[in-house]
Amino acid sequence: MTYLYYPGCCCALKATGRAYEESTEAVFGVLGVTYREVEDWNCCGATMYMAVDETRSWGLSLRNLALAEAQAGNGGADLLTPCPACYVVMRKAQQAYAAGGRLAEALEGALSDAGLSYHGTVRVRHPLDVLVNDVGLARVRQAVRRPLTGLRVVCYYGCLLTRPFATFDDPANPTSLDRLVETLGAEPVDWPLKTRCCGGSLTGTVEEVGLRLSYLLLKEAQRRGADVVVTACPFCECNLECFQRKVQAAYPDLASIPAVFFTQLVGVALGLQRKQLGLQRMLVPLEPTLERRLGGVYA
């Protein structure tokens, strides 16, 4: 299987989500998954661009898909897309193109003007999907060096990862992340907000609404006795962790709780070092929780 990698640009893996990129590379390296970054990639056209001109946003996504297809050569490739916003807009672009008609003709013309073409051989995949369904939970379990026994984890999927394209999990009640956490030896905490919106870009536009939505998630996680929130989205992680002090200023009853990428938690269980996983970048440190629950100091 040939894997290519699209990091994305808005709150994604080359920016505030740098720890996501670092931990994904480290974990996939241990598990034998190799991939190459798409050359000359551009913004996928998600977030605000979708509201301005949906067709042009799909054109941006299709350019990335065409580049990936050309780089992969015959047989196509699976495109690792860690950001759910990028993941969804690329899937929508594929859907619009495959439907044919005037829209597809316009998109094809835009690609032609850029000297590109697309034949539909690229599969857009999320790393969680690849980890659970390609690598497999049995292989992950074999690689665990430090079981996370005693750690209570809330699995937060966010509102985009399994909707509207429920290709690898249930849209309303996904379980892949819960099963992965259980494989690491931790306890996935049952809760009803696993796909509720974290506020998305509202933290930068209508801040009080965005902070309120993040508060509801963090408070419910604490109410259910979770030690950590784990997510598969750089936007969600940023809202729940990087904005946590602002949330606490607005809602003083909220205590601090680590919010980390699922690849970071996997990396801890695989015995990887903190800098390999970008743990030194966290504004709400994970290590005190690990020390309290697992014992010893995590180096």
C-alpha atoms as a PDB file:
ATOM      1  CA  MET A   1       0.000   0.000   0.000  1.00  0.00           C
ATOM      2  CA  THR A   2       1.302   3.430  -0.970  1.00  0.00           C
ATOM      3  CA  TYR A   3       0.532   6.198   1.507  1.00  0.00           C
ATOM      4  CA  LEU A   4       0.911   9.874   0.789  1.00  0.00           C
ATOM      5  CA  TYR A   5       0.478  12.602   3.374  1.00  0.00           C
ATOM      6  CA  TYR A   6      -1.386  15.900   3.288  1.00  0.00           C
ATOM      7  CA  PRO A   7      -0.654  18.029   6.403  1.00  0.00           C
ATOM      8  CA  GLY A   8      -3.089  20.909   5.785  1.00  0.00           C
ATOM      9  CA  CYS A   9      -2.502  24.519   6.690  1.00  0.00           C
ATOM     10  CA  CYS A  10      -5.278  25.932   8.937  1.00  0.00           C
ATOM     11  CA  CYS A  11      -4.655  24.982  12.575  1.00  0.00           C
ATOM     12  CA  ALA A  12      -3.107  21.848  11.127  1.00  0.00           C
ATOM     13  CA  LEU A  13       0.105  19.869  11.263  1.00  0.00           C
ATOM     14  CA  LYS A  14       2.590  22.513  10.142  1.00  0.00           C
ATOM     15  CA  ALA A  15       1.188  25.098  12.560  1.00  0.00           C
ATOM     16  CA  THR A  16      -0.492  24.782  15.965  1.00  0.00           C
ATOM     17  CA  GLY A  17      -0.929  21.049  15.408  1.00  0.00           C
ATOM     18  CA  ARG A  18       2.805  20.407  15.077  1.00  0.00           C
ATOM     19  CA  ALA A  19       2.668  17.842  17.884  1.00  0.00           C
ATOM     20  CA  TYR A  20       0.118  15.891  15.833  1.00  0.00           C
ATOM     21  CA  GLU A  21       2.578  15.609  12.956  1.00  0.00           C
ATOM     22  CA  GLU A  22       5.470  14.661  15.235  1.00  0.00           C
ATOM     23  CA  SER A  23       3.529  11.995  17.105  1.00  0.00           C
ATOM     24  CA  THR A  24       1.982  10.560  13.938  1.00  0.00           C
ATOM     25  CA  GLU A  25       5.410  10.199  12.336  1.00  0.00           C
ATOM     26  CA  ALA A  26       6.864   8.591  15.470  1.00  0.00           C
ATOM     27  CA  VAL A  27       3.988   6.145  16.007  1.00  0.00           C
ATOM     28  CA  PHE A  28       3.652   5.134  12.376  1.00  0.00           C
ATOM     29  CA  GLY A  29       7.410   4.640  12.219  1.00  0.00           C
ATOM     30  CA  VAL A  30       7.289   2.119  15.065  1.00  0.00           C
ATOM     31  CA  LEU A  31       4.351   0.328  13.438  1.00  0.00           C
ATOM     32  CA  GLY A  32       6.005   0.162  10.023  1.00  0.00           C
ATOM     33  CA  VAL A  33       3.759   2.599   8.140  1.00  0.00           C
ATOM     34  CA  THR A  34       5.731   4.743   5.711  1.00  0.00           C
ATOM     35  CA  TYR A  35       4.427   7.697   3.735  1.00  0.00           C
ATOM     36  CA  ARG A  36       5.564  10.647   1.640  1.00  0.00           C
ATOM     37  CA  GLU A  37       4.330  14.213   1.829  1.00  0.00           C
ATOM     38  CA  VAL A  38       2.496  15.454  -1.239  1.00  0.00           C
ATOM     39  CA  GLU A  39       4.777  17.823  -3.125  1.00  0.00           C
ATOM     40  CA  ASP A  40       3.623  21.420  -3.707  1.00  0.00           C
ATOM     41  CA  TRP A  41       0.352  20.940  -1.784  1.00  0.00           C
ATOM     42  CA  ASN A  42      -1.938  23.902  -1.159  1.00  0.00           C
ATOM     43  CA  CYS A  43      -4.803  24.852   1.172  1.00  0.00           C
ATOM     44  CA  CYS A  44      -7.677  22.361   0.869  1.00  0.00           C
ATOM     45  CA  GLY A  45     -10.280  25.130   0.735  1.00  0.00           C
ATOM     46  CA  ALA A  46     -12.026  24.206   3.978  1.00  0.00           C
ATOM     47  CA  THR A  47     -13.330  26.428   6.819  1.00  0.00           C
ATOM     48  CA  MET A  48     -14.182  30.002   5.767  1.00  0.00           C
ATOM     49  CA  TYR A  49     -13.411  29.412   2.076  1.00  0.00           C
ATOM     50  CA  MET A  50     -16.363  27.000   1.834  1.00  0.00           C
ATOM     51  CA  ALA A  51     -18.756  29.802   2.798  1.00  0.00           C
ATOM     52  CA  VAL A  52     -17.314  32.180   0.193  1.00  0.00           C
ATOM     53  CA  ASP A  53     -17.128  29.943  -2.877  1.00  0.00           C
ATOM     54  CA  GLU A  54     -17.764  26.226  -2.456  1.00  0.00           C
ATOM     55  CA  THR A  55     -16.830  25.374  -6.035  1.00  0.00           C
ATOM     56  CA  ARG A  56     -13.434  27.056  -5.761  1.00  0.00           C
ATOM     57  CA  SER A  57     -12.779  25.269  -2.483  1.00  0.00           C
ATOM     58  CA  TRP A  58     -13.386  21.968  -4.259  1.00  0.00           C
ATOM     59  CA  GLY A  59     -11.015  23.102  -6.993  1.00  0.00           C
ATOM     60  CA  LEU A  60      -8.304  23.636  -4.383  1.00  0.00           C
ATOM     61  CA  SER A  61      -8.915  20.165  -2.978  1.00  0.00           C
ATOM     62  CA  LEU A  62      -8.875  18.549  -6.404  1.00  0.00           C
ATOM     63  CA  ARG A  63      -5.508  20.131  -7.152  1.00  0.00           C
ATOM     64  CA  ASN A  64      -4.102  18.350  -4.088  1.00  0.00           C
ATOM     65  CA  LEU A  65      -5.722  15.088  -5.162  1.00  0.00           C
ATOM     66  CA  ALA A  66      -4.355  15.449  -8.689  1.00  0.00           C
ATOM     67  CA  LEU A  67      -0.865  16.093  -7.329  1.00  0.00           C
ATOM     68  CA  ALA A  68      -1.136  13.044  -5.070  1.00  0.00           C
ATOM     69  CA  GLU A  69      -2.318  10.904  -7.965  1.00  0.00           C
ATOM     70  CA  ALA A  70       0.560  12.033 -10.168  1.00  0.00           C
ATOM     71  CA  GLN A  71       3.092  11.475  -7.382  1.00  0.00           C
ATOM     72  CA  ALA A  72       1.764   7.981  -6.631  1.00  0.00           C
ATOM     73  CA  GLY A  73       1.872   6.830 -10.226  1.00  0.00           C
ATOM     74  CA  ASN A  74      -0.077   3.834 -11.490  1.00  0.00           C
ATOM     75  CA  GLY A  75      -2.448   2.235  -9.033  1.00  0.00           C
ATOM     76  CA  GLY A  76      -3.297   5.324  -7.035  1.00  0.00           C
ATOM     77  CA  ALA A  77      -2.638   5.869  -3.349  1.00  0.00           C
ATOM     78  CA  ASP A  78      -4.176   6.390   0.042  1.00  0.00           C
ATOM     79  CA  LEU A  79      -3.843  10.005   1.128  1.00  0.00           C
ATOM     80  CA  LEU A  80      -3.336  10.409   4.894  1.00  0.00           C
ATOM     81  CA  THR A  81      -5.338  13.478   5.883  1.00  0.00           C
ATOM     82  CA  PRO A  82      -5.129  14.012   9.662  1.00  0.00           C
ATOM     83  CA  CYS A  83      -7.353  17.110   9.794  1.00  0.00           C
ATOM     84  CA  PRO A  84     -11.070  16.192   9.602  1.00  0.00           C
ATOM     85  CA  ALA A  85     -11.910  19.532   7.938  1.00  0.00           C
ATOM     86  CA  CYS A  86      -9.430  18.751   5.137  1.00  0.00           C
ATOM     87  CA  TYR A  87     -10.666  15.157   5.078  1.00  0.00           C
ATOM     88  CA  VAL A  88     -14.294  16.185   4.587  1.00  0.00           C
ATOM     89  CA  VAL A  89     -13.744  18.888   1.962  1.00  0.00           C
ATOM     90  CA  MET A  90     -11.577  16.553  -0.091  1.00  0.00           C
ATOM     91  CA  ARG A  91     -14.238  13.859   0.082  1.00  0.00           C
ATOM     92  CA  LYS A  92     -16.860  16.430  -0.966  1.00  0.00           C
ATOM     93  CA  ALA A  93     -14.676  17.512  -3.872  1.00  0.00           C
ATOM     94  CA  GLN A  94     -14.338  13.898  -5.002  1.00  0.00           C
ATOM     95  CA  GLN A  95     -18.096  13.449  -4.762  1.00  0.00           C
ATOM     96  CA  ALA A  96     -18.815  16.617  -6.758  1.00  0.00           C
ATOM     97  CA  TYR A  97     -16.330  15.609  -9.455  1.00  0.00           C
ATOM     98  CA  ALA A  98     -17.632  12.049  -9.707  1.00  0.00           C
ATOM     99  CA  ALA A  99     -21.224  13.295 -10.131  1.00  0.00           C
ATOM    100  CA  GLY A 100     -20.359  14.806 -13.501  1.00  0.00           C
ATOM    101  CA  GLY A 101     -22.301  17.644 -15.090  1.00  0.00           C
ATOM    102  CA  ARG A 102     -21.369  21.293 -15.415  1.00  0.00           C
ATOM    103  CA  LEU A 103     -19.696  21.477 -12.013  1.00  0.00           C
ATOM    104  CA  ALA A 104     -17.395  18.579 -12.843  1.00  0.00           C
ATOM    105  CA  GLU A 105     -16.621  20.181 -16.206  1.00  0.00           C
ATOM    106  CA  ALA A 106     -15.697  23.445 -14.479  1.00  0.00           C
ATOM    107  CA  LEU A 107     -13.456  21.611 -12.010  1.00  0.00           C
ATOM    108  CA  GLU A 108     -11.840  19.630 -14.812  1.00  0.00           C
ATOM    109  CA  GLY A 109     -11.226  22.869 -16.716  1.00  0.00           C
ATOM    110  CA  ALA A 110      -9.572  24.433 -13.677  1.00  0.00           C
ATOM    111  CA  LEU A 111      -7.261  21.444 -13.325  1.00  0.00           C
ATOM    112  CA  SER A 112      -6.452  21.556 -17.040  1.00  0.00           C
ATOM    113  CA  ASP A 113      -5.530  25.232 -16.787  1.00  0.00           C
ATOM    114  CA  ALA A 114      -3.034  24.234 -14.084  1.00  0.00           C
ATOM    115  CA  GLY A 115      -1.621  21.459 -16.253  1.00  0.00           C
ATOM    116  CA  LEU A 116      -3.181  18.728 -14.118  1.00  0.00           C
ATOM    117  CA  SER A 117      -5.743  15.968 -14.437  1.00  0.00           C
ATOM    118  CA  TYR A 118      -7.506  13.692 -11.953  1.00  0.00           C
ATOM    119  CA  HIS A 119      -8.801  10.172 -12.540  1.00  0.00           C
ATOM    120  CA  GLY A 120     -10.260   9.286  -9.151  1.00  0.00           C
ATOM    121  CA  THR A 121      -7.635   6.784  -7.998  1.00  0.00           C
ATOM    122  CA  VAL A 122      -6.777   8.473  -4.678  1.00  0.00           C
ATOM    123  CA  ARG A 123      -8.514   7.369  -1.475  1.00  0.00           C
ATOM    124  CA  VAL A 124      -8.709  10.017   1.245  1.00  0.00           C
ATOM    125  CA  ARG A 125      -7.992   8.355   4.597  1.00  0.00           C
ATOM    126  CA  HIS A 126      -7.714   9.521   8.196  1.00  0.00           C
ATOM    127  CA  PRO A 127      -4.772   8.186  10.250  1.00  0.00           C
ATOM    128  CA  LEU A 128      -7.192   6.763  12.833  1.00  0.00           C
ATOM    129  CA  ASP A 129      -8.795   4.674  10.094  1.00  0.00           C
ATOM    130  CA  VAL A 130      -5.392   3.470   8.894  1.00  0.00           C
ATOM    131  CA  LEU A 131      -4.201   2.679  12.415  1.00  0.00           C
ATOM    132  CA  VAL A 132      -7.294   0.691  13.368  1.00  0.00           C
ATOM    133  CA  ASN A 133      -8.133  -0.978  10.059  1.00  0.00           C
ATOM    134  CA  ASP A 134      -4.856  -1.281   8.114  1.00  0.00           C
ATOM    135  CA  VAL A 135      -2.281  -1.702  10.875  1.00  0.00           C
ATOM    136  CA  GLY A 136      -4.860  -3.381  13.098  1.00  0.00           C
ATOM    137  CA  LEU A 137      -5.435  -3.344  16.832  1.00  0.00           C
ATOM    138  CA  ALA A 138      -3.631  -6.664  17.263  1.00  0.00           C
ATOM    139  CA  ARG A 139      -0.415  -5.171  15.878  1.00  0.00           C
ATOM    140  CA  VAL A 140      -0.815  -2.101  18.077  1.00  0.00           C
ATOM    141  CA  ARG A 141      -1.332  -4.304  21.137  1.00  0.00           C
ATOM    142  CA  GLN A 142       1.879  -6.203  20.352  1.00  0.00           C
ATOM    143  CA  ALA A 143       3.808  -2.919  20.186  1.00  0.00           C
ATOM    144  CA  VAL A 144       2.602  -1.592  23.569  1.00  0.00           C
ATOM    145  CA  ARG A 145       5.535  -1.251  25.978  1.00  0.00           C
ATOM    146  CA  ARG A 146       3.838   0.721  28.724  1.00  0.00           C
ATOM    147  CA  PRO A 147       0.161  -0.180  29.185  1.00  0.00           C
ATOM    148  CA  LEU A 148      -1.956   2.781  30.231  1.00  0.00           C
ATOM    149  CA  THR A 149      -3.664   0.815  32.976  1.00  0.00           C
ATOM    150  CA  GLY A 150      -5.751   3.014  35.264  1.00  0.00           C
ATOM    151  CA  LEU A 151      -5.939   5.968  32.871  1.00  0.00           C
ATOM    152  CA  ARG A 152      -9.527   7.085  32.227  1.00  0.00           C
ATOM    153  CA  VAL A 153      -9.878   8.568  28.748  1.00  0.00           C
ATOM    154  CA  VAL A 154     -12.698  10.489  27.076  1.00  0.00           C
ATOM    155  CA  CYS A 155     -12.597   9.873  23.318  1.00  0.00           C
ATOM    156  CA  TYR A 156     -13.670  12.958  21.404  1.00  0.00           C
ATOM    157  CA  TYR A 157     -14.199  12.452  17.670  1.00  0.00           C
ATOM    158  CA  GLY A 158     -15.499  15.922  16.863  1.00  0.00           C
ATOM    159  CA  CYS A 159     -18.339  16.754  14.510  1.00  0.00           C
ATOM    160  CA  LEU A 160     -16.640  16.102  11.139  1.00  0.00           C
ATOM    161  CA  LEU A 161     -14.579  12.924  11.302  1.00  0.00           C
ATOM    162  CA  THR A 162     -17.452  10.488  10.764  1.00  0.00           C
ATOM    163  CA  ARG A 163     -19.993  12.876   9.232  1.00  0.00           C
ATOM    164  CA  PRO A 164     -21.218  13.091   6.557  1.00  0.00           C
ATOM    165  CA  PHE A 165     -18.861  10.369   5.261  1.00  0.00           C
ATOM    166  CA  ALA A 166     -19.204   7.425   7.641  1.00  0.00           C
ATOM    167  CA  THR A 167     -16.664   5.310   5.784  1.00  0.00           C
ATOM    168  CA  PHE A 168     -14.903   3.647   8.715  1.00  0.00           C
ATOM    169  CA  ASP A 169     -17.115   4.228  11.758  1.00  0.00           C
ATOM    170  CA  ASP A 170     -20.663   4.909  12.865  1.00  0.00           C
ATOM    171  CA  PRO A 171     -21.654   8.571  12.314  1.00  0.00           C
ATOM    172  CA  ALA A 172     -23.625   8.984  15.547  1.00  0.00           C
ATOM    173  CA  ASN A 173     -21.806   6.596  17.862  1.00  0.00           C
ATOM    174  CA  PRO A 174     -18.252   5.986  16.604  1.00  0.00           C
ATOM    175  CA  THR A 175     -16.141   3.471  18.523  1.00  0.00           C
ATOM    176  CA  SER A 176     -12.802   3.158  16.681  1.00  0.00           C
ATOM    177  CA  LEU A 177     -10.995   5.569  19.003  1.00  0.00           C
ATOM    178  CA  ASP A 178     -12.522   3.911  22.065  1.00  0.00           C
ATOM    179  CA  ARG A 179     -11.334   0.507  20.868  1.00  0.00           C
ATOM    180  CA  LEU A 180      -7.855   1.883  20.214  1.00  0.00           C
ATOM    181  CA  VAL A 181      -7.681   3.415  23.702  1.00  0.00           C
ATOM    182  CA  GLU A 182      -8.774   0.107  25.213  1.00  0.00           C
ATOM    183  CA  THR A 183      -6.027  -1.663  23.230  1.00  0.00           C
ATOM    184  CA  LEU A 184      -3.487   0.621  24.943  1.00  0.00           C
ATOM    185  CA  GLY A 185      -4.687  -0.615  28.340  1.00  0.00           C
ATOM    186  CA  ALA A 186      -6.605   2.544  29.246  1.00  0.00           C
ATOM    187  CA  GLU A 187     -10.283   2.796  30.102  1.00  0.00           C
ATOM    188  CA  PRO A 188     -12.472   4.611  27.545  1.00  0.00           C
ATOM    189  CA  VAL A 189     -15.092   6.592  29.452  1.00  0.00           C
ATOM    190  CA  ASP A 190     -18.631   6.386  28.116  1.00  0.00           C
ATOM    191  CA  TRP A 191     -20.105   9.815  27.443  1.00  0.00           C
ATOM    192  CA  PRO A 192     -22.763  11.338  25.142  1.00  0.00           C
ATOM    193  CA  LEU A 193     -20.764  14.224  23.617  1.00  0.00           C
ATOM    194  CA  LYS A 194     -18.213  12.359  21.490  1.00  0.00           C
ATOM    195  CA  THR A 195     -19.413  13.972  18.231  1.00  0.00           C
ATOM    196  CA  ARG A 196     -20.676  17.313  19.548  1.00  0.00           C
ATOM    197  CA  CYS A 197     -19.040  20.455  18.088  1.00  0.00           C
ATOM    198  CA  CYS A 198     -16.168  21.998  20.077  1.00  0.00           C
ATOM    199  CA  GLY A 199     -16.859  25.465  18.680  1.00  0.00           C
ATOM    200  CA  GLY A 200     -14.592  25.197  15.655  1.00  0.00           C
ATOM    201  CA  SER A 201     -13.548  28.581  14.332  1.00  0.00           C
ATOM    202  CA  LEU A 202     -16.030  30.374  16.614  1.00  0.00           C
ATOM    203  CA  THR A 203     -13.255  30.804  19.189  1.00  0.00           C
ATOM    204  CA  GLY A 204     -11.759  33.315  16.756  1.00  0.00           C
ATOM    205  CA  THR A 205     -14.984  34.942  15.560  1.00  0.00           C
ATOM    206  CA  VAL A 206     -17.750  34.759  18.189  1.00  0.00           C
ATOM    207  CA  GLU A 207     -15.506  33.894  21.097  1.00  0.00           C
ATOM    208  CA  GLU A 208     -18.109  33.617  23.848  1.00  0.00           C
ATOM    209  CA  VAL A 209     -20.026  30.993  21.848  1.00  0.00           C
ATOM    210  CA  GLY A 210     -16.886  29.026  21.011  1.00  0.00           C
ATOM    211  CA  LEU A 211     -15.698  29.038  24.621  1.00  0.00           C
ATOM    212  CA  ARG A 212     -19.119  27.911  25.823  1.00  0.00           C
ATOM    213  CA  LEU A 213     -19.148  24.931  23.494  1.00  0.00           C
ATOM    214  CA  SER A 214     -15.642  23.888  24.585  1.00  0.00           C
ATOM    215  CA  TYR A 215     -16.627  24.313  28.223  1.00  0.00           C
ATOM    216  CA  LEU A 216     -19.572  21.943  27.856  1.00  0.00           C
ATOM    217  CA  LEU A 217     -17.254  19.232  26.533  1.00  0.00           C
ATOM    218  CA  LEU A 218     -14.493  19.695  29.116  1.00  0.00           C
ATOM    219  CA  LYS A 219     -16.928  19.952  32.024  1.00  0.00           C
ATOM    220  CA  GLU A 220     -18.773  16.779  31.004  1.00  0.00           C
ATOM    221  CA  ALA A 221     -15.465  14.929  30.651  1.00  0.00           C
ATOM    222  CA  GLN A 222     -14.526  15.942  34.196  1.00  0.00           C
ATOM    223  CA  ARG A 223     -17.993  15.153  35.533  1.00  0.00           C
ATOM    224  CA  ARG A 224     -17.548  11.593  34.304  1.00  0.00           C
ATOM    225  CA  GLY A 225     -14.161  11.227  35.979  1.00  0.00           C
ATOM    226  CA  ALA A 226     -11.922  11.389  32.905  1.00  0.00           C
ATOM    227  CA  ASP A 227      -8.194  11.985  33.345  1.00  0.00           C
ATOM    228  CA  VAL A 228      -7.590  13.124  29.766  1.00  0.00           C
ATOM    229  CA  VAL A 229      -9.446  14.053  26.593  1.00  0.00           C
ATOM    230  CA  VAL A 230      -8.088  12.502  23.408  1.00  0.00           C
ATOM    231  CA  THR A 231      -9.006  13.785  19.968  1.00  0.00           C
ATOM    232  CA  ALA A 232      -8.279  13.185  16.288  1.00  0.00           C
ATOM    233  CA  CYS A 233      -8.674  16.780  15.079  1.00  0.00           C
ATOM    234  CA  PRO A 234      -6.165  19.664  15.313  1.00  0.00           C
ATOM    235  CA  PHE A 235      -8.948  22.268  15.521  1.00  0.00           C
ATOM    236  CA  CYS A 236     -10.648  20.392  18.357  1.00  0.00           C
ATOM    237  CA  GLU A 237      -7.377  19.909  20.212  1.00  0.00           C
ATOM    238  CA  CYS A 238      -6.560  23.605  19.884  1.00  0.00           C
ATOM    239  CA  ASN A 239      -9.939  24.675  21.255  1.00  0.00           C
ATOM    240  CA  LEU A 240      -9.959  22.200  24.129  1.00  0.00           C
ATOM    241  CA  GLU A 241      -6.331  22.674  25.164  1.00  0.00           C
ATOM    242  CA  CYS A 242      -4.927  25.960  23.863  1.00  0.00           C
ATOM    243  CA  PHE A 243      -8.058  27.939  24.770  1.00  0.00           C
ATOM    244  CA  GLN A 244      -8.559  26.171  28.095  1.00  0.00           C
ATOM    245  CA  ARG A 245      -7.324  29.113  30.188  1.00  0.00           C
ATOM    246  CA  LYS A 246      -9.816  31.406  28.462  1.00  0.00           C
ATOM    247  CA  VAL A 247     -12.546  28.843  29.069  1.00  0.00           C
ATOM    248  CA  GLN A 248     -11.601  28.735  32.752  1.00  0.00           C
ATOM    249  CA  ALA A 249     -11.654  32.534  32.966  1.00  0.00           C
ATOM    250  CA  ALA A 250     -15.237  32.497  31.681  1.00  0.00           C
ATOM    251  CA  TYR A 251     -16.215  29.412  33.704  1.00  0.00           C
ATOM    252  CA  PRO A 252     -14.175  29.261  36.951  1.00  0.00           C
ATOM    253  CA  ASP A 253     -15.716  25.917  37.983  1.00  0.00           C
ATOM    254  CA  LEU A 254     -13.674  24.147  35.292  1.00  0.00           C
ATOM    255  CA  ALA A 255     -10.487  22.452  36.463  1.00  0.00           C
ATOM    256  CA  SER A 256      -7.536  21.843  34.128  1.00  0.00           C
ATOM    257  CA  ILE A 257      -7.579  18.622  32.130  1.00  0.00           C
ATOM    258  CA  PRO A 258      -5.100  17.538  29.435  1.00  0.00           C
ATOM    259  CA  ALA A 259      -6.429  17.349  25.880  1.00  0.00           C
ATOM    260  CA  VAL A 260      -4.084  15.501  23.519  1.00  0.00           C
ATOM    261  CA  PHE A 261      -3.933  13.945  20.075  1.00  0.00           C
ATOM    262  CA  PHE A 262      -4.700  10.237  19.895  1.00  0.00           C
ATOM    263  CA  THR A 263      -1.280   9.631  18.331  1.00  0.00           C
ATOM    264  CA  GLN A 264       0.384  11.134  21.397  1.00  0.00           C
ATOM    265  CA  LEU A 265      -1.440   8.726  23.687  1.00  0.00           C
ATOM    266  CA  VAL A 266      -0.548   5.807  21.447  1.00  0.00           C
ATOM    267  CA  GLY A 267       3.077   6.947  21.497  1.00  0.00           C
ATOM    268  CA  VAL A 268       3.128   7.004  25.297  1.00  0.00           C
ATOM    269  CA  ALA A 269       1.906   3.398  25.344  1.00  0.00           C
ATOM    270  CA  LEU A 270       4.535   2.424  22.766  1.00  0.00           C
ATOM    271  CA  GLY A 271       7.241   3.793  25.051  1.00  0.00           C
ATOM    272  CA  LEU A 272       8.278   6.747  22.882  1.00  0.00           C
ATOM    273  CA  GLN A 273       9.972   9.806  24.364  1.00  0.00           C
ATOM    274  CA  ARG A 274       8.138  13.054  25.098  1.00  0.00           C
ATOM    275  CA  LYS A 275       9.896  15.101  22.380  1.00  0.00           C
ATOM    276  CA  GLN A 276       9.137  12.457  19.785  1.00  0.00           C
ATOM    277  CA  LEU A 277       5.469  12.997  20.623  1.00  0.00           C
ATOM    278  CA  GLY A 278       5.563  16.771  20.980  1.00  0.00           C
ATOM    279  CA  LEU A 279       4.475  16.603  24.617  1.00  0.00           C
ATOM    280  CA  GLN A 280       6.754  19.521  25.466  1.00  0.00           C
ATOM    281  CA  ARG A 281       4.504  21.717  23.313  1.00  0.00           C
ATOM    282  CA  MET A 282       1.386  21.163  25.396  1.00  0.00           C
ATOM    283  CA  LEU A 283      -0.079  24.112  27.318  1.00  0.00           C
ATOM    284  CA  VAL A 284      -1.874  21.741  29.688  1.00  0.00           C
ATOM    285  CA  PRO A 285       0.847  19.162  30.465  1.00  0.00           C
ATOM    286  CA  LEU A 286       0.009  15.478  30.213  1.00  0.00           C
ATOM    287  CA  GLU A 287       2.937  14.225  32.305  1.00  0.00           C
ATOM    288  CA  PRO A 288       1.494  14.985  35.790  1.00  0.00           C
ATOM    289  CA  THR A 289      -1.558  12.906  34.932  1.00  0.00           C
ATOM    290  CA  LEU A 290       0.599  10.070  33.618  1.00  0.00           C
ATOM    291  CA  GLU A 291       2.730  10.171  36.747  1.00  0.00           C
ATOM    292  CA  ARG A 292      -0.319  10.117  38.998  1.00  0.00           C
ATOM    293  CA  ARG A 293      -2.036   7.266  37.178  1.00  0.00           C
ATOM    294  CA  LEU A 294       0.861   5.178  35.847  1.00  0.00           C
ATOM    295  CA  GLY A 295       3.555   5.919  38.417  1.00  0.00           C
ATOM    296  CA  GLY A 296       7.072   7.157  37.834  1.00  0.00           C
ATOM    297  CA  VAL A 297       8.181  10.180  35.839  1.00  0.00           C
ATOM    298  CA  TYR A 298       7.560  10.158  32.094  1.00  0.00           C
ATOM    299  CA  ALA A 299      10.826  11.290  30.467  1.00  0.00           C
END
